[in-house]
N, C-alpha and C. Protein backbone atom coordinates (compact mmCIF):
# COMPACT_ATOMS: atom_id res chain seq x y z
N MET A 1 14.14 -27.35 13.35
CA MET A 1 14.14 -26.53 12.18
C MET A 1 14.42 -25.06 12.51
N GLY A 2 15.21 -24.39 11.50
CA GLY A 2 15.52 -22.94 11.90
C GLY A 2 14.43 -21.92 11.14
N ASP A 3 14.86 -20.86 10.84
CA ASP A 3 13.97 -19.92 10.30
C ASP A 3 13.76 -20.40 8.76
N GLY A 4 12.51 -20.11 8.29
CA GLY A 4 12.05 -20.43 6.83
C GLY A 4 12.14 -22.07 6.65
N GLY A 5 12.07 -22.80 7.70
CA GLY A 5 11.92 -24.24 7.38
C GLY A 5 13.34 -24.99 7.09
N SER A 6 14.34 -24.10 7.21
CA SER A 6 15.79 -24.71 6.94
C SER A 6 16.39 -25.13 8.22
N PRO A 7 17.15 -26.20 8.15
CA PRO A 7 17.78 -26.69 9.29
C PRO A 7 18.83 -25.68 9.90
N LEU A 8 19.26 -24.75 9.06
CA LEU A 8 20.20 -23.78 9.39
C LEU A 8 19.50 -22.52 9.45
N SER A 9 19.53 -21.73 10.37
CA SER A 9 18.80 -20.42 10.45
C SER A 9 19.32 -19.40 9.52
N ARG A 10 18.78 -18.50 9.16
CA ARG A 10 19.28 -17.36 8.35
C ARG A 10 20.33 -16.55 9.11
N SER A 11 20.08 -16.37 10.46
CA SER A 11 21.12 -15.79 11.33
C SER A 11 22.39 -16.41 11.22
N VAL A 12 22.36 -17.67 11.46
CA VAL A 12 23.61 -18.62 11.61
C VAL A 12 24.21 -18.42 10.20
N ALA A 13 23.37 -18.64 9.08
CA ALA A 13 23.97 -18.61 7.74
C ALA A 13 24.68 -17.34 7.58
N ARG A 14 24.07 -16.25 7.97
CA ARG A 14 24.61 -14.91 7.72
C ARG A 14 25.96 -14.82 8.45
N GLN A 15 26.05 -15.37 9.75
CA GLN A 15 27.31 -15.46 10.55
C GLN A 15 28.43 -16.20 9.87
N LEU A 16 27.98 -17.33 9.17
CA LEU A 16 28.88 -18.06 8.41
C LEU A 16 29.61 -17.36 7.24
N VAL A 17 28.83 -16.70 6.55
CA VAL A 17 29.29 -15.83 5.60
C VAL A 17 30.17 -14.83 5.90
N GLU A 18 29.81 -13.98 7.03
CA GLU A 18 30.58 -13.13 7.51
C GLU A 18 31.85 -13.72 8.07
N ALA A 19 31.88 -14.73 8.54
CA ALA A 19 33.10 -15.27 9.03
C ALA A 19 34.00 -15.88 7.82
N LYS A 20 33.44 -16.08 6.79
CA LYS A 20 34.25 -16.38 5.57
C LYS A 20 35.31 -15.40 5.36
N VAL A 21 34.91 -14.02 5.38
CA VAL A 21 35.99 -13.07 5.12
C VAL A 21 37.00 -12.94 6.18
N ASP A 22 36.67 -13.13 7.61
CA ASP A 22 37.67 -13.32 8.49
C ASP A 22 38.58 -14.48 8.42
N ILE A 23 38.19 -15.51 8.05
CA ILE A 23 38.97 -16.71 7.76
C ILE A 23 39.80 -16.55 6.58
N LEU A 24 39.37 -15.79 5.51
CA LEU A 24 40.25 -15.48 4.37
C LEU A 24 41.42 -14.62 4.81
N HIS A 25 41.08 -13.56 5.54
CA HIS A 25 42.08 -12.67 6.04
C HIS A 25 43.01 -13.40 6.97
N LEU A 26 42.65 -14.35 7.89
CA LEU A 26 43.42 -15.06 8.57
C LEU A 26 44.50 -15.95 7.76
N GLU A 27 43.89 -16.57 6.66
CA GLU A 27 44.61 -17.54 5.95
C GLU A 27 45.72 -16.77 5.25
N GLU A 28 45.38 -15.41 4.68
CA GLU A 28 46.41 -14.53 4.14
C GLU A 28 47.45 -14.23 5.02
N ARG A 29 47.03 -13.88 6.27
CA ARG A 29 48.06 -13.41 7.16
C ARG A 29 48.98 -14.45 7.67
N LEU A 30 48.46 -15.64 7.81
CA LEU A 30 49.32 -17.02 8.03
C LEU A 30 50.14 -17.30 7.07
N ALA A 31 49.77 -17.15 5.69
CA ALA A 31 50.66 -17.48 4.72
C ALA A 31 51.74 -16.38 4.41
N ALA A 32 51.40 -15.21 4.88
CA ALA A 32 52.43 -14.18 4.76
C ALA A 32 53.34 -14.47 5.69
N ASN A 33 53.03 -14.57 6.93
CA ASN A 33 53.97 -14.94 8.00
C ASN A 33 54.74 -16.19 7.68
N HIS A 34 54.35 -17.09 7.02
CA HIS A 34 55.01 -18.40 6.82
C HIS A 34 56.15 -17.98 5.68
N MET A 35 55.68 -17.33 4.74
CA MET A 35 56.73 -16.76 3.72
C MET A 35 57.71 -16.05 4.29
N SER A 36 57.41 -15.07 5.27
CA SER A 36 58.43 -14.37 5.96
C SER A 36 59.60 -15.25 6.79
N ARG A 37 58.98 -16.22 7.46
CA ARG A 37 59.81 -17.14 8.17
C ARG A 37 60.83 -17.97 7.11
N LEU A 38 60.17 -18.23 5.92
CA LEU A 38 60.82 -18.82 4.93
C LEU A 38 62.09 -18.04 4.39
N ARG A 39 61.78 -16.70 4.18
CA ARG A 39 62.73 -15.85 3.66
C ARG A 39 63.89 -15.63 4.61
N ASP A 40 63.55 -15.68 6.21
CA ASP A 40 64.43 -15.63 7.12
C ASP A 40 65.26 -16.83 7.29
N GLY A 41 64.98 -17.85 6.45
CA GLY A 41 65.64 -19.12 6.60
C GLY A 41 65.47 -19.96 7.82
N GLN A 42 64.37 -19.85 8.48
CA GLN A 42 63.96 -20.65 9.71
C GLN A 42 63.77 -22.13 9.24
N VAL A 43 64.68 -22.89 9.91
CA VAL A 43 64.91 -24.39 9.48
C VAL A 43 63.57 -25.20 9.67
N GLU A 44 62.83 -24.81 10.67
CA GLU A 44 61.68 -25.55 11.05
C GLU A 44 60.48 -25.12 9.94
N SER A 45 60.42 -23.84 9.47
CA SER A 45 59.57 -23.44 8.39
C SER A 45 59.90 -24.01 7.27
N VAL A 46 61.12 -24.15 6.83
CA VAL A 46 61.61 -24.80 5.65
C VAL A 46 61.31 -26.39 5.49
N GLN A 47 61.53 -26.85 6.74
CA GLN A 47 61.21 -28.53 6.72
C GLN A 47 59.87 -28.71 6.76
N THR A 48 58.90 -27.75 7.16
CA THR A 48 57.47 -28.13 7.32
C THR A 48 56.72 -27.15 6.31
N SER A 49 57.36 -26.67 5.32
CA SER A 49 56.60 -25.72 4.39
C SER A 49 55.55 -26.45 3.58
N SER A 50 55.81 -27.57 3.13
CA SER A 50 54.64 -28.14 2.34
C SER A 50 53.55 -28.54 3.26
N LEU A 51 53.77 -28.96 4.36
CA LEU A 51 52.64 -29.31 5.17
C LEU A 51 51.80 -28.00 5.64
N HIS A 52 52.57 -27.06 6.04
CA HIS A 52 51.91 -25.74 6.40
C HIS A 52 50.99 -25.13 5.14
N LEU A 53 51.64 -25.20 3.99
CA LEU A 53 50.60 -24.70 2.78
C LEU A 53 49.61 -25.62 2.65
N ASP A 54 49.76 -26.82 2.69
CA ASP A 54 48.61 -27.75 2.55
C ASP A 54 47.55 -27.50 3.55
N ILE A 55 47.93 -27.24 4.73
CA ILE A 55 46.86 -27.11 5.77
C ILE A 55 46.21 -25.74 5.51
N LEU A 56 46.92 -24.77 5.15
CA LEU A 56 46.32 -23.57 4.85
C LEU A 56 45.22 -23.55 3.57
N ARG A 57 45.81 -24.35 2.38
CA ARG A 57 45.06 -24.50 1.39
C ARG A 57 43.54 -25.33 1.88
N ASP A 58 43.85 -26.32 2.62
CA ASP A 58 42.57 -27.09 3.20
C ASP A 58 41.58 -26.14 4.02
N LEU A 59 42.28 -25.19 4.84
CA LEU A 59 41.47 -24.43 5.64
C LEU A 59 40.72 -23.37 4.60
N LYS A 60 41.19 -23.02 3.63
CA LYS A 60 40.55 -22.23 2.63
C LYS A 60 39.30 -22.90 2.02
N ARG A 61 39.54 -24.19 1.54
CA ARG A 61 38.48 -25.00 0.95
C ARG A 61 37.53 -25.41 1.99
N ILE A 62 37.69 -25.60 3.29
CA ILE A 62 36.75 -25.81 4.26
C ILE A 62 35.88 -24.60 4.45
N ASN A 63 36.51 -23.52 4.50
CA ASN A 63 35.80 -22.24 4.65
C ASN A 63 34.81 -22.07 3.51
N ALA A 64 35.30 -22.25 2.25
CA ALA A 64 34.48 -22.16 1.00
C ALA A 64 33.12 -22.97 1.06
N HIS A 65 33.37 -24.42 1.50
CA HIS A 65 32.31 -25.13 1.57
C HIS A 65 31.34 -24.87 2.68
N ILE A 66 31.70 -24.35 3.79
CA ILE A 66 30.85 -23.81 4.82
C ILE A 66 30.02 -22.59 4.30
N ALA A 67 30.71 -21.86 3.73
CA ALA A 67 30.02 -20.51 3.04
C ALA A 67 28.94 -21.14 1.94
N ALA A 68 29.48 -22.08 1.13
CA ALA A 68 28.53 -22.61 0.07
C ALA A 68 27.17 -23.03 0.70
N ILE A 69 27.12 -23.74 1.84
CA ILE A 69 26.12 -24.15 2.57
C ILE A 69 25.19 -23.08 3.01
N ALA A 70 25.88 -21.98 3.47
CA ALA A 70 25.11 -20.70 3.80
C ALA A 70 24.46 -19.86 2.71
N TYR A 71 25.03 -19.88 1.56
CA TYR A 71 24.44 -18.75 0.57
C TYR A 71 23.12 -19.14 0.12
N PRO A 72 22.83 -20.50 -0.12
CA PRO A 72 21.39 -20.85 -0.58
C PRO A 72 20.19 -20.39 0.54
N ILE A 73 20.72 -20.66 1.82
CA ILE A 73 19.81 -20.28 2.91
C ILE A 73 19.56 -18.72 2.92
N LEU A 74 20.49 -18.05 2.64
CA LEU A 74 20.17 -16.52 2.58
C LEU A 74 19.61 -16.07 1.35
N LYS A 75 19.51 -16.93 0.23
CA LYS A 75 18.72 -16.60 -0.88
C LYS A 75 17.28 -17.07 -0.75
N GLU A 76 16.95 -17.89 0.10
CA GLU A 76 15.55 -18.28 0.43
C GLU A 76 14.61 -16.99 0.62
N GLY A 77 13.59 -17.01 -0.18
CA GLY A 77 12.50 -16.19 0.21
C GLY A 77 13.03 -14.85 -0.65
N VAL A 78 13.97 -14.83 -1.37
CA VAL A 78 14.45 -13.51 -2.15
C VAL A 78 13.55 -13.34 -3.22
N TYR A 79 13.03 -14.53 -3.89
CA TYR A 79 12.14 -14.28 -5.16
C TYR A 79 10.85 -14.22 -4.81
């Protein structure tokens, strides 16, 4: 067990929330790079665009789920 009786320690939960922002910035940068390649007409990017965007969307959802686990742990003991 971690801090406060939670299986996930508050320090790890805090790291997960902080990483959420980094992952969001990464996702935005990857999407912008992909769009740039599409504008340039790169054949590989055009052919894999749907897959690429699906993976980015899934990364964003996974990131949100991980942060959702961390938020309640950080709120423990606040009240």
